[in-house]
């Protein structure tokens, strides 16, 4: 009788442990899709953040290009003003030089 009880007890332990071993891989398989979904969500979030960063950088680049264009236009205007001013000064200096030469010729 004690052998029978011992055999039944061992059989129950064997069944319980085998069930536990069978269920554990099933739980791991169930957990795998949720981990995959989490990785996908994280990847989507990272992609969204990257897109926002790229859009922000593109806006900054556009602003910088606009500033460069504006500065180039200002530089061209300044060059034009300087050329006009230089031409006016040269003309004025030429007139003064001619007048001085005339005075010098008249005095001689």
PDB file of N, CA and C in Angstrom:
ATOM      1  N   UNK A   1       0.810  -1.176   0.000  1.00  0.00           N
ATOM      2  CA  UNK A   1       0.000   0.000   0.000  1.00  0.00           C
ATOM      3  C   UNK A   1       0.866   1.257   0.000  1.00  0.00           C
ATOM      4  N   UNK A   2       1.895   1.228   0.801  1.00  0.00           N
ATOM      5  CA  UNK A   2       2.750   2.409   0.845  1.00  0.00           C
ATOM      6  C   UNK A   2       3.464   2.612  -0.490  1.00  0.00           C
ATOM      7  N   UNK A   3       3.759   1.520  -1.235  1.00  0.00           N
ATOM      8  CA  UNK A   3       4.350   1.653  -2.548  1.00  0.00           C
ATOM      9  C   UNK A   3       3.367   2.305  -3.512  1.00  0.00           C
ATOM     10  N   UNK A   4       2.117   1.921  -3.419  1.00  0.00           N
ATOM     11  CA  UNK A   4       1.099   2.478  -4.276  1.00  0.00           C
ATOM     12  C   UNK A   4       0.941   3.984  -4.018  1.00  0.00           C
ATOM     13  N   UNK A   5       0.937   4.353  -2.773  1.00  0.00           N
ATOM     14  CA  UNK A   5       0.817   5.770  -2.409  1.00  0.00           C
ATOM     15  C   UNK A   5       2.048   6.525  -2.911  1.00  0.00           C
ATOM     16  N   UNK A   6       3.197   5.906  -2.763  1.00  0.00           N
ATOM     17  CA  UNK A   6       4.429   6.535  -3.211  1.00  0.00           C
ATOM     18  C   UNK A   6       4.405   6.696  -4.738  1.00  0.00           C
ATOM     19  N   UNK A   7       3.942   5.700  -5.479  1.00  0.00           N
ATOM     20  CA  UNK A   7       3.860   5.779  -6.926  1.00  0.00           C
ATOM     21  C   UNK A   7       2.862   6.844  -7.376  1.00  0.00           C
ATOM     22  N   UNK A   8       1.720   6.920  -6.706  1.00  0.00           N
ATOM     23  CA  UNK A   8       0.722   7.935  -7.028  1.00  0.00           C
ATOM     24  C   UNK A   8       1.281   9.326  -6.734  1.00  0.00           C
ATOM     25  N   UNK A   9       1.954   9.453  -5.638  1.00  0.00           N
ATOM     26  CA  UNK A   9       2.548  10.730  -5.267  1.00  0.00           C
ATOM     27  C   UNK A   9       3.590  11.159  -6.312  1.00  0.00           C
ATOM     28  N   UNK A  10       4.458  10.255  -6.716  1.00  0.00           N
ATOM     29  CA  UNK A  10       5.463  10.556  -7.733  1.00  0.00           C
ATOM     30  C   UNK A  10       4.802  10.895  -9.078  1.00  0.00           C
ATOM     31  N   UNK A  11       3.739  10.154  -9.399  1.00  0.00           N
ATOM     32  CA  UNK A  11       3.021  10.435 -10.642  1.00  0.00           C
ATOM     33  C   UNK A  11       2.407  11.843 -10.622  1.00  0.00           C
ATOM     34  N   UNK A  12       1.832  12.227  -9.505  1.00  0.00           N
ATOM     35  CA  UNK A  12       1.241  13.562  -9.369  1.00  0.00           C
ATOM     36  C   UNK A  12       2.337  14.633  -9.494  1.00  0.00           C
ATOM     37  N   UNK A  13       3.471  14.399  -8.845  1.00  0.00           N
ATOM     38  CA  UNK A  13       4.582  15.358  -8.928  1.00  0.00           C
ATOM     39  C   UNK A  13       5.071  15.461 -10.370  1.00  0.00           C
ATOM     40  N   UNK A  14       5.188  14.323 -11.039  1.00  0.00           N
ATOM     41  CA  UNK A  14       5.614  14.320 -12.429  1.00  0.00           C
ATOM     42  C   UNK A  14       4.636  15.083 -13.315  1.00  0.00           C
ATOM     43  N   UNK A  15       3.363  14.879 -13.122  1.00  0.00           N
ATOM     44  CA  UNK A  15       2.337  15.575 -13.907  1.00  0.00           C
ATOM     45  C   UNK A  15       2.382  17.074 -13.641  1.00  0.00           C
ATOM     46  N   UNK A  16       2.477  17.436 -12.380  1.00  0.00           N
ATOM     47  CA  UNK A  16       2.496  18.862 -12.024  1.00  0.00           C
ATOM     48  C   UNK A  16       3.731  19.540 -12.618  1.00  0.00           C
ATOM     49  N   UNK A  17       4.897  18.923 -12.461  1.00  0.00           N
ATOM     50  CA  UNK A  17       6.110  19.554 -12.984  1.00  0.00           C
ATOM     51  C   UNK A  17       6.099  19.601 -14.508  1.00  0.00           C
ATOM     52  N   UNK A  18       5.585  18.560 -15.158  1.00  0.00           N
ATOM     53  CA  UNK A  18       5.542  18.589 -16.625  1.00  0.00           C
ATOM     54  C   UNK A  18       4.569  19.666 -17.113  1.00  0.00           C
ATOM     55  N   UNK A  19       3.463  19.823 -16.415  1.00  0.00           N
ATOM     56  CA  UNK A  19       2.524  20.875 -16.777  1.00  0.00           C
ATOM     57  C   UNK A  19       3.163  22.251 -16.601  1.00  0.00           C
ATOM     58  N   UNK A  20       3.914  22.394 -15.538  1.00  0.00           N
ATOM     59  CA  UNK A  20       4.576  23.661 -15.295  1.00  0.00           C
ATOM     60  C   UNK A  20       5.590  23.950 -16.399  1.00  0.00           C
ATOM     61  N   UNK A  21       6.356  22.930 -16.807  1.00  0.00           N
ATOM     62  CA  UNK A  21       7.344  23.105 -17.868  1.00  0.00           C
ATOM     63  C   UNK A  21       6.673  23.401 -19.211  1.00  0.00           C
ATOM     64  N   UNK A  22       5.523  22.825 -19.470  1.00  0.00           N
ATOM     65  CA  UNK A  22       4.811  23.075 -20.722  1.00  0.00           C
ATOM     66  C   UNK A  22       4.209  24.477 -20.754  1.00  0.00           C
ATOM     67  N   UNK A  23       3.751  24.899 -19.616  1.00  0.00           N
ATOM     68  CA  UNK A  23       3.105  26.216 -19.585  1.00  0.00           C
ATOM     69  C   UNK A  23       4.115  27.353 -19.671  1.00  0.00           C
ATOM     70  N   UNK A  24       5.268  27.168 -19.104  1.00  0.00           N
ATOM     71  CA  UNK A  24       6.272  28.235 -19.110  1.00  0.00           C
ATOM     72  C   UNK A  24       6.666  28.632 -20.539  1.00  0.00           C
ATOM     73  N   UNK A  25       6.974  27.709 -21.436  1.00  0.00           N
ATOM     74  CA  UNK A  25       7.266  28.145 -22.812  1.00  0.00           C
ATOM     75  C   UNK A  25       6.067  28.814 -23.478  1.00  0.00           C
ATOM     76  N   UNK A  26       4.878  28.384 -23.162  1.00  0.00           N
ATOM     77  CA  UNK A  26       3.703  29.018 -23.734  1.00  0.00           C
ATOM     78  C   UNK A  26       3.586  30.462 -23.260  1.00  0.00           C
ATOM     79  N   UNK A  27       3.887  30.694 -21.995  1.00  0.00           N
ATOM     80  CA  UNK A  27       3.849  32.059 -21.474  1.00  0.00           C
ATOM     81  C   UNK A  27       4.923  32.912 -22.156  1.00  0.00           C
ATOM     82  N   UNK A  28       6.093  32.313 -22.395  1.00  0.00           N
ATOM     83  CA  UNK A  28       7.154  33.059 -23.062  1.00  0.00           C
ATOM     84  C   UNK A  28       6.748  33.395 -24.494  1.00  0.00           C
ATOM     85  N   UNK A  29       6.062  32.459 -25.170  1.00  0.00           N
ATOM     86  CA  UNK A  29       5.600  32.735 -26.522  1.00  0.00           C
ATOM     87  C   UNK A  29       4.540  33.825 -26.521  1.00  0.00           C
ATOM     88  N   UNK A  30       3.684  33.826 -25.498  1.00  0.00           N
ATOM     89  CA  UNK A  30       2.678  34.881 -25.393  1.00  0.00           C
ATOM     90  C   UNK A  30       3.341  36.239 -25.144  1.00  0.00           C
ATOM     91  N   UNK A  31       4.424  36.244 -24.397  1.00  0.00           N
ATOM     92  CA  UNK A  31       5.103  37.491 -24.078  1.00  0.00           C
ATOM     93  C   UNK A  31       5.874  38.020 -25.298  1.00  0.00           C
ATOM     94  N   UNK A  32       6.318  37.145 -26.163  1.00  0.00           N
ATOM     95  CA  UNK A  32       7.106  37.566 -27.325  1.00  0.00           C
ATOM     96  C   UNK A  32       6.354  38.544 -28.228  1.00  0.00           C
ATOM     97  N   UNK A  33       5.091  38.299 -28.570  1.00  0.00           N
ATOM     98  CA  UNK A  33       4.397  39.281 -29.414  1.00  0.00           C
ATOM     99  C   UNK A  33       4.260  40.645 -28.739  1.00  0.00           C
ATOM    100  N   UNK A  34       4.039  40.660 -27.447  1.00  0.00           N
ATOM    101  CA  UNK A  34       3.901  41.953 -26.784  1.00  0.00           C
ATOM    102  C   UNK A  34       5.234  42.695 -26.789  1.00  0.00           C
ATOM    103  N   UNK A  35       6.345  41.970 -26.656  1.00  0.00           N
ATOM    104  CA  UNK A  35       7.655  42.619 -26.752  1.00  0.00           C
ATOM    105  C   UNK A  35       7.869  43.141 -28.167  1.00  0.00           C
ATOM    106  N   UNK A  36       7.470  42.370 -29.140  1.00  0.00           N
ATOM    107  CA  UNK A  36       7.598  42.807 -30.528  1.00  0.00           C
ATOM    108  C   UNK A  36       6.755  44.057 -30.774  1.00  0.00           C
ATOM    109  N   UNK A  37       5.554  44.078 -30.231  1.00  0.00           N
ATOM    110  CA  UNK A  37       4.688  45.253 -30.381  1.00  0.00           C
ATOM    111  C   UNK A  37       5.314  46.468 -29.703  1.00  0.00           C
ATOM    112  N   UNK A  38       5.906  46.235 -28.530  1.00  0.00           N
ATOM    113  CA  UNK A  38       6.558  47.344 -27.830  1.00  0.00           C
ATOM    114  C   UNK A  38       7.725  47.883 -28.649  1.00  0.00           C
ATOM    115  N   UNK A  39       8.501  46.977 -29.236  1.00  0.00           N
ATOM    116  CA  UNK A  39       9.618  47.407 -30.073  1.00  0.00           C
ATOM    117  C   UNK A  39       9.116  48.191 -31.285  1.00  0.00           C
ATOM    118  N   UNK A  40       8.001  47.744 -31.860  1.00  0.00           N
ATOM    119  CA  UNK A  40       7.430  48.461 -33.000  1.00  0.00           C
ATOM    120  C   UNK A  40       6.963  49.855 -32.590  1.00  0.00           C
ATOM    121  N   UNK A  41       6.320  49.936 -31.424  1.00  0.00           N
ATOM    122  CA  UNK A  41       5.858  51.241 -30.946  1.00  0.00           C
ATOM    123  C   UNK A  41       7.044  52.173 -30.702  1.00  0.00           C
ATOM    124  N   UNK A  42       8.082  51.632 -30.094  1.00  0.00           N
ATOM    125  CA  UNK A  42       9.281  52.437 -29.830  1.00  0.00           C
ATOM    126  C   UNK A  42       9.895  52.889 -31.149  1.00  0.00           C
ATOM    127  N   UNK A  43       9.959  51.985 -32.126  1.00  0.00           N
ATOM    128  CA  UNK A  43      10.519  52.338 -33.430  1.00  0.00           C
ATOM    129  C   UNK A  43       9.682  53.421 -34.099  1.00  0.00           C
ATOM    130  N   UNK A  44       8.357  53.322 -33.984  1.00  0.00           N
ATOM    131  CA  UNK A  44       7.485  54.342 -34.570  1.00  0.00           C
ATOM    132  C   UNK A  44       7.704  55.695 -33.907  1.00  0.00           C
ATOM    133  N   UNK A  45       7.827  55.687 -32.584  1.00  0.00           N
ATOM    134  CA  UNK A  45       8.069  56.942 -31.858  1.00  0.00           C
ATOM    135  C   UNK A  45       9.402  57.556 -32.273  1.00  0.00           C
ATOM    136  N   UNK A  46      10.426  56.706 -32.358  1.00  0.00           N
ATOM    137  CA  UNK A  46      11.736  57.210 -32.769  1.00  0.00           C
ATOM    138  C   UNK A  46      11.665  57.809 -34.170  1.00  0.00           C
ATOM    139  N   UNK A  47      10.939  57.147 -35.054  1.00  0.00           N
ATOM    140  CA  UNK A  47      10.796  57.644 -36.430  1.00  0.00           C
ATOM    141  C   UNK A  47      10.077  58.992 -36.437  1.00  0.00           C
ATOM    142  N   UNK A  48       9.039  59.112 -35.603  1.00  0.00           N
ATOM    143  CA  UNK A  48       8.304  60.382 -35.533  1.00  0.00           C
ATOM    144  C   UNK A  48       9.201  61.497 -35.014  1.00  0.00           C
ATOM    145  N   UNK A  49      10.003  61.196 -34.013  1.00  0.00           N
ATOM    146  CA  UNK A  49      10.924  62.197 -33.461  1.00  0.00           C
ATOM    147  C   UNK A  49      11.952  62.604 -34.515  1.00  0.00           C
ATOM    148  N   UNK A  50      12.465  61.613 -35.246  1.00  0.00           N
ATOM    149  CA  UNK A  50      13.437  61.922 -36.305  1.00  0.00           C
ATOM    150  C   UNK A  50      12.812  62.822 -37.362  1.00  0.00           C
ATOM    151  N   UNK A  51      11.571  62.535 -37.749  1.00  0.00           N
ATOM    152  CA  UNK A  51      10.896  63.368 -38.738  1.00  0.00           C
ATOM    153  C   UNK A  51      10.734  64.799 -38.239  1.00  0.00           C
ATOM    154  N   UNK A  52      10.353  64.947 -36.967  1.00  0.00           N
ATOM    155  CA  UNK A  52      10.196  66.291 -36.407  1.00  0.00           C
ATOM    156  C   UNK A  52      11.527  67.034 -36.411  1.00  0.00           C
ATOM    157  N   UNK A  53      12.594  66.340 -36.075  1.00  0.00           N
ATOM    158  CA  UNK A  53      13.921  66.961 -36.059  1.00  0.00           C
ATOM    159  C   UNK A  53      14.303  67.399 -37.469  1.00  0.00           C
ATOM    160  N   UNK A  54      14.047  66.524 -38.445  1.00  0.00           N
ATOM    161  CA  UNK A  54      14.386  66.852 -39.834  1.00  0.00           C
ATOM    162  C   UNK A  54      13.585  68.064 -40.307  1.00  0.00           C
ATOM    163  N   UNK A  55      12.292  68.084 -40.000  1.00  0.00           N
ATOM    164  CA  UNK A  55      11.465  69.224 -40.397  1.00  0.00           C
ATOM    165  C   UNK A  55      11.954  70.514 -39.748  1.00  0.00           C
ATOM    166  N   UNK A  56      12.313  70.422 -38.489  1.00  0.00           N
ATOM    167  CA  UNK A  56      12.825  71.600 -37.780  1.00  0.00           C
ATOM    168  C   UNK A  56      14.122  72.085 -38.427  1.00  0.00           C
ATOM    169  N   UNK A  57      15.008  71.153 -38.757  1.00  0.00           N
ATOM    170  CA  UNK A  57      16.267  71.533 -39.392  1.00  0.00           C
ATOM    171  C   UNK A  57      16.022  72.151 -40.765  1.00  0.00           C
ATOM    172  N   UNK A  58      15.062  71.604 -41.507  1.00  0.00           N
ATOM    173  CA  UNK A  58      14.747  72.178 -42.819  1.00  0.00           C
ATOM    174  C   UNK A  58      14.228  73.605 -42.684  1.00  0.00           C
ATOM    175  N   UNK A  59      13.401  73.866 -41.661  1.00  0.00           N
ATOM    176  CA  UNK A  59      12.914  75.231 -41.435  1.00  0.00           C
ATOM    177  C   UNK A  59      14.081  76.161 -41.103  1.00  0.00           C
ATOM    178  N   UNK A  60      15.009  75.680 -40.257  1.00  0.00           N
ATOM    179  CA  UNK A  60      16.170  76.508 -39.905  1.00  0.00           C
ATOM    180  C   UNK A  60      17.033  76.785 -41.135  1.00  0.00           C
ATOM    181  N   UNK A  61      17.209  75.788 -41.966  1.00  0.00           N
ATOM    182  CA  UNK A  61      17.996  75.972 -43.186  1.00  0.00           C
ATOM    183  C   UNK A  61      17.330  76.999 -44.085  1.00  0.00           C
ATOM    184  N   UNK A  62      16.006  76.923 -44.211  1.00  0.00           N
ATOM    185  CA  UNK A  62      15.283  77.886 -45.048  1.00  0.00           C
ATOM    186  C   UNK A  62      15.454  79.300 -44.511  1.00  0.00           C
ATOM    187  N   UNK A  63      15.352  79.456 -43.181  1.00  0.00           N
ATOM    188  CA  UNK A  63      15.551  80.780 -42.578  1.00  0.00           C
ATOM    189  C   UNK A  63      16.959  81.300 -42.855  1.00  0.00           C
ATOM    190  N   UNK A  64      17.946  80.403 -42.713  1.00  0.00           N
ATOM    191  CA  UNK A  64      19.327  80.818 -42.969  1.00  0.00           C
ATOM    192  C   UNK A  64      19.519  81.216 -44.430  1.00  0.00           C
ATOM    193  N   UNK A  65      18.911  80.461 -45.337  1.00  0.00           N
ATOM    194  CA  UNK A  65      19.005  80.818 -46.760  1.00  0.00           C
ATOM    195  C   UNK A  65      18.377  82.185 -47.014  1.00  0.00           C
ATOM    196  N   UNK A  66      17.237  82.446 -46.375  1.00  0.00           N
ATOM    197  CA  UNK A  66      16.598  83.763 -46.525  1.00  0.00           C
ATOM    198  C   UNK A  66      17.502  84.874 -46.000  1.00  0.00           C
ATOM    199  N   UNK A  67      18.130  84.630 -44.860  1.00  0.00           N
ATOM    200  CA  UNK A  67      19.044  85.628 -44.301  1.00  0.00           C
ATOM    201  C   UNK A  67      20.237  85.861 -45.220  1.00  0.00           C
ATOM    202  N   UNK A  68      20.777  84.788 -45.781  1.00  0.00           N
ATOM    203  CA  UNK A  68      21.917  84.930 -46.691  1.00  0.00           C
ATOM    204  C   UNK A  68      21.516  85.763 -47.903  1.00  0.00           C
ATOM    205  N   UNK A  69      20.326  85.474 -48.467  1.00  0.00           N
ATOM    206  CA  UNK A  69      19.853  86.246 -49.619  1.00  0.00           C
ATOM    207  C   UNK A  69      19.713  87.723 -49.252  1.00  0.00           C
ATOM    208  N   UNK A  70      19.136  87.982 -48.093  1.00  0.00           N
ATOM    209  CA  UNK A  70      18.949  89.365 -47.657  1.00  0.00           C
ATOM    210  C   UNK A  70      20.298  90.067 -47.488  1.00  0.00           C
ATOM    211  N   UNK A  71      21.251  89.388 -46.883  1.00  0.00           N
ATOM    212  CA  UNK A  71      22.574  89.990 -46.691  1.00  0.00           C
ATOM    213  C   UNK A  71      23.281  90.221 -48.027  1.00  0.00           C
ATOM    214  N   UNK A  72      23.108  89.290 -48.982  1.00  0.00           N
ATOM    215  CA  UNK A  72      23.711  89.482 -50.298  1.00  0.00           C
ATOM    216  C   UNK A  72      23.120  90.708 -50.988  1.00  0.00           C
ATOM    217  N   UNK A  73      21.818  90.904 -50.853  1.00  0.00           N
ATOM    218  CA  UNK A  73      21.171  92.073 -51.454  1.00  0.00           C
ATOM    219  C   UNK A  73      21.684  93.351 -50.807  1.00  0.00           C
ATOM    220  N   UNK A  74      21.809  93.339 -49.474  1.00  0.00           N
ATOM    221  CA  UNK A  74      22.328  94.513 -48.783  1.00  0.00           C
ATOM    222  C   UNK A  74      23.753  94.813 -49.225  1.00  0.00           C
ATOM    223  N   UNK A  75      24.551  93.766 -49.391  1.00  0.00           N
ATOM    224  CA  UNK A  75      25.936  93.947 -49.829  1.00  0.00           C
ATOM    225  C   UNK A  75      25.982  94.557 -51.227  1.00  0.00           C
ATOM    226  N   UNK A  76      25.121  94.085 -52.121  1.00  0.00           N
ATOM    227  CA  UNK A  76      25.087  94.643 -53.476  1.00  0.00           C
ATOM    228  C   UNK A  76      24.697  96.121 -53.441  1.00  0.00           C
ATOM    229  N   UNK A  77      23.697  96.444 -52.594  1.00  0.00           N
ATOM    230  CA  UNK A  77      23.295  97.854 -52.477  1.00  0.00           C
ATOM    231  C   UNK A  77      24.441  98.709 -51.964  1.00  0.00           C
ATOM    232  N   UNK A  78      25.150  98.196 -50.946  1.00  0.00           N
ATOM    233  CA  UNK A  78      26.281  98.956 -50.392  1.00  0.00           C
ATOM    234  C   UNK A  78      27.373  99.140 -51.431  1.00  0.00           C
ATOM    235  N   UNK A  79      27.638  98.080 -52.209  1.00  0.00           N
ATOM    236  CA  UNK A  79      28.653  98.207 -53.255  1.00  0.00           C
ATOM    237  C   UNK A  79      28.232  99.260 -54.273  1.00  0.00           C
ATOM    238  N   UNK A  80      26.960  99.254 -54.651  1.00  0.00           N
ATOM    239  CA  UNK A  80      26.455 100.246 -55.604  1.00  0.00           C
ATOM    240  C   UNK A  80      26.573 101.647 -55.055  1.00  0.00           C
ATOM    241  N   UNK A  81      26.222 101.819 -53.769  1.00  0.00           N
ATOM    242  CA  UNK A  81      26.320 103.142 -53.154  1.00  0.00           C
ATOM    243  C   UNK A  81      27.774 103.603 -53.100  1.00  0.00           C
ATOM    244  N   UNK A  82      28.673 102.672 -52.764  1.00  0.00           N
ATOM    245  CA  UNK A  82      30.093 103.036 -52.693  1.00  0.00           C
ATOM    246  C   UNK A  82      30.619 103.410 -54.070  1.00  0.00           C
ATOM    247  N   UNK A  83      30.215 102.657 -55.090  1.00  0.00           N
ATOM    248  CA  UNK A  83      30.675 102.988 -56.442  1.00  0.00           C
ATOM    249  C   UNK A  83      30.160 104.362 -56.860  1.00  0.00           C
ATOM    250  N   UNK A  84      28.901 104.657 -56.538  1.00  0.00           N
ATOM    251  CA  UNK A  84      28.331 105.969 -56.870  1.00  0.00           C
ATOM    252  C   UNK A  84      29.068 107.067 -56.127  1.00  0.00           C
ATOM    253  N   UNK A  85      29.302 106.827 -54.851  1.00  0.00           N
ATOM    254  CA  UNK A  85      29.999 107.822 -54.030  1.00  0.00           C
ATOM    255  C   UNK A  85      31.417 108.031 -54.542  1.00  0.00           C
ATOM    256  N   UNK A  86      32.096 106.919 -54.879  1.00  0.00           N
ATOM    257  CA  UNK A  86      33.463 107.036 -55.401  1.00  0.00           C
ATOM    258  C   UNK A  86      33.471 107.779 -56.730  1.00  0.00           C
ATOM    259  N   UNK A  87      32.531 107.482 -57.592  1.00  0.00           N
ATOM    260  CA  UNK A  87      32.464 108.157 -58.888  1.00  0.00           C
ATOM    261  C   UNK A  87      32.222 109.648 -58.693  1.00  0.00           C
ATOM    262  N   UNK A  88      31.329 109.979 -57.762  1.00  0.00           N
ATOM    263  CA  UNK A  88      31.035 111.388 -57.484  1.00  0.00           C
ATOM    264  C   UNK A  88      32.279 112.090 -56.942  1.00  0.00           C
ATOM    265  N   UNK A  89      32.980 111.424 -56.020  1.00  0.00           N
ATOM    266  CA  UNK A  89      34.189 112.024 -55.448  1.00  0.00           C
ATOM    267  C   UNK A  89      35.271 112.192 -56.511  1.00  0.00           C
ATOM    268  N   UNK A  90      35.417 111.181 -57.375  1.00  0.00           N
ATOM    269  CA  UNK A  90      36.423 111.283 -58.440  1.00  0.00           C
ATOM    270  C   UNK A  90      36.078 112.447 -59.368  1.00  0.00           C
ATOM    271  N   UNK A  91      34.817 112.569 -59.720  1.00  0.00           N
ATOM    272  CA  UNK A  91      34.388 113.665 -60.589  1.00  0.00           C
ATOM    273  C   UNK A  91      34.663 115.006 -59.919  1.00  0.00           C
ATOM    274  N   UNK A  92      34.329 115.099 -58.650  1.00  0.00           N
ATOM    275  CA  UNK A  92      34.552 116.343 -57.905  1.00  0.00           C
ATOM    276  C   UNK A  92      36.053 116.649 -57.829  1.00  0.00           C
ATOM    277  N   UNK A  93      36.861 115.628 -57.549  1.00  0.00           N
ATOM    278  CA  UNK A  93      38.313 115.824 -57.465  1.00  0.00           C
ATOM    279  C   UNK A  93      38.887 116.247 -58.817  1.00  0.00           C
ATOM    280  N   UNK A  94      38.362 115.654 -59.888  1.00  0.00           N
ATOM    281  CA  UNK A  94      38.822 116.032 -61.224  1.00  0.00           C
ATOM    282  C   UNK A  94      38.507 117.498 -61.508  1.00  0.00           C
ATOM    283  N   UNK A  95      37.322 117.930 -61.142  1.00  0.00           N
ATOM    284  CA  UNK A  95      36.936 119.325 -61.347  1.00  0.00           C
ATOM    285  C   UNK A  95      37.861 120.255 -60.575  1.00  0.00           C
ATOM    286  N   UNK A  96      38.140 119.885 -59.305  1.00  0.00           N
ATOM    287  CA  UNK A  96      39.027 120.720 -58.494  1.00  0.00           C
ATOM    288  C   UNK A  96      40.431 120.760 -59.102  1.00  0.00           C
ATOM    289  N   UNK A  97      40.890 119.611 -59.587  1.00  0.00           N
ATOM    290  CA  UNK A  97      42.219 119.555 -60.186  1.00  0.00           C
ATOM    291  C   UNK A  97      42.282 120.428 -61.434  1.00  0.00           C
ATOM    292  N   UNK A  98      41.252 120.353 -62.239  1.00  0.00           N
ATOM    293  CA  UNK A  98      41.205 121.168 -63.465  1.00  0.00           C
ATOM    294  C   UNK A  98      41.193 122.648 -63.104  1.00  0.00           C
ATOM    295  N   UNK A  99      40.419 123.027 -62.089  1.00  0.00           N
ATOM    296  CA  UNK A  99      40.369 124.430 -61.671  1.00  0.00           C
ATOM    297  C   UNK A  99      41.727 124.892 -61.151  1.00  0.00           C
ATOM    298  N   UNK A 100      42.393 124.027 -60.367  1.00  0.00           N
ATOM    299  CA  UNK A 100      43.718 124.381 -59.863  1.00  0.00           C
ATOM    300  C   UNK A 100      44.713 124.535 -61.009  1.00  0.00           C
ATOM    301  N   UNK A 101      44.638 123.668 -61.995  1.00  0.00           N
ATOM    302  CA  UNK A 101      45.542 123.784 -63.140  1.00  0.00           C
ATOM    303  C   UNK A 101      45.285 125.081 -63.896  1.00  0.00           C
ATOM    304  N   UNK A 102      44.012 125.425 -64.052  1.00  0.00           N
ATOM    305  CA  UNK A 102      43.676 126.676 -64.760  1.00  0.00           C
ATOM    306  C   UNK A 102      44.220 127.884 -64.008  1.00  0.00           C
ATOM    307  N   UNK A 103      44.038 127.844 -62.670  1.00  0.00           N
ATOM    308  CA  UNK A 103      44.560 128.958 -61.868  1.00  0.00           C
ATOM    309  C   UNK A 103      46.068 129.022 -61.984  1.00  0.00           C
ATOM    310  N   UNK A 104      46.676 127.866 -61.969  1.00  0.00           N
ATOM    311  CA  UNK A 104      48.136 127.841 -62.045  1.00  0.00           C
ATOM    312  C   UNK A 104      48.623 128.340 -63.412  1.00  0.00           C
ATOM    313  N   UNK A 105      47.904 127.994 -64.447  1.00  0.00           N
ATOM    314  CA  UNK A 105      48.249 128.443 -65.802  1.00  0.00           C
ATOM    315  C   UNK A 105      48.033 129.955 -65.899  1.00  0.00           C
ATOM    316  N   UNK A 106      46.936 130.436 -65.352  1.00  0.00           N
ATOM    317  CA  UNK A 106      46.623 131.854 -65.425  1.00  0.00           C
ATOM    318  C   UNK A 106      47.675 132.651 -64.635  1.00  0.00           C
ATOM    319  N   UNK A 107      48.115 132.170 -63.514  1.00  0.00           N
ATOM    320  CA  UNK A 107      49.067 132.877 -62.674  1.00  0.00           C
ATOM    321  C   UNK A 107      50.452 132.901 -63.318  1.00  0.00           C
ATOM    322  N   UNK A 108      50.752 131.902 -64.085  1.00  0.00           N
ATOM    323  CA  UNK A 108      52.093 131.867 -64.686  1.00  0.00           C
ATOM    324  C   UNK A 108      52.164 132.817 -65.787  1.00  0.00           C
TER     325      UNK A 108
END
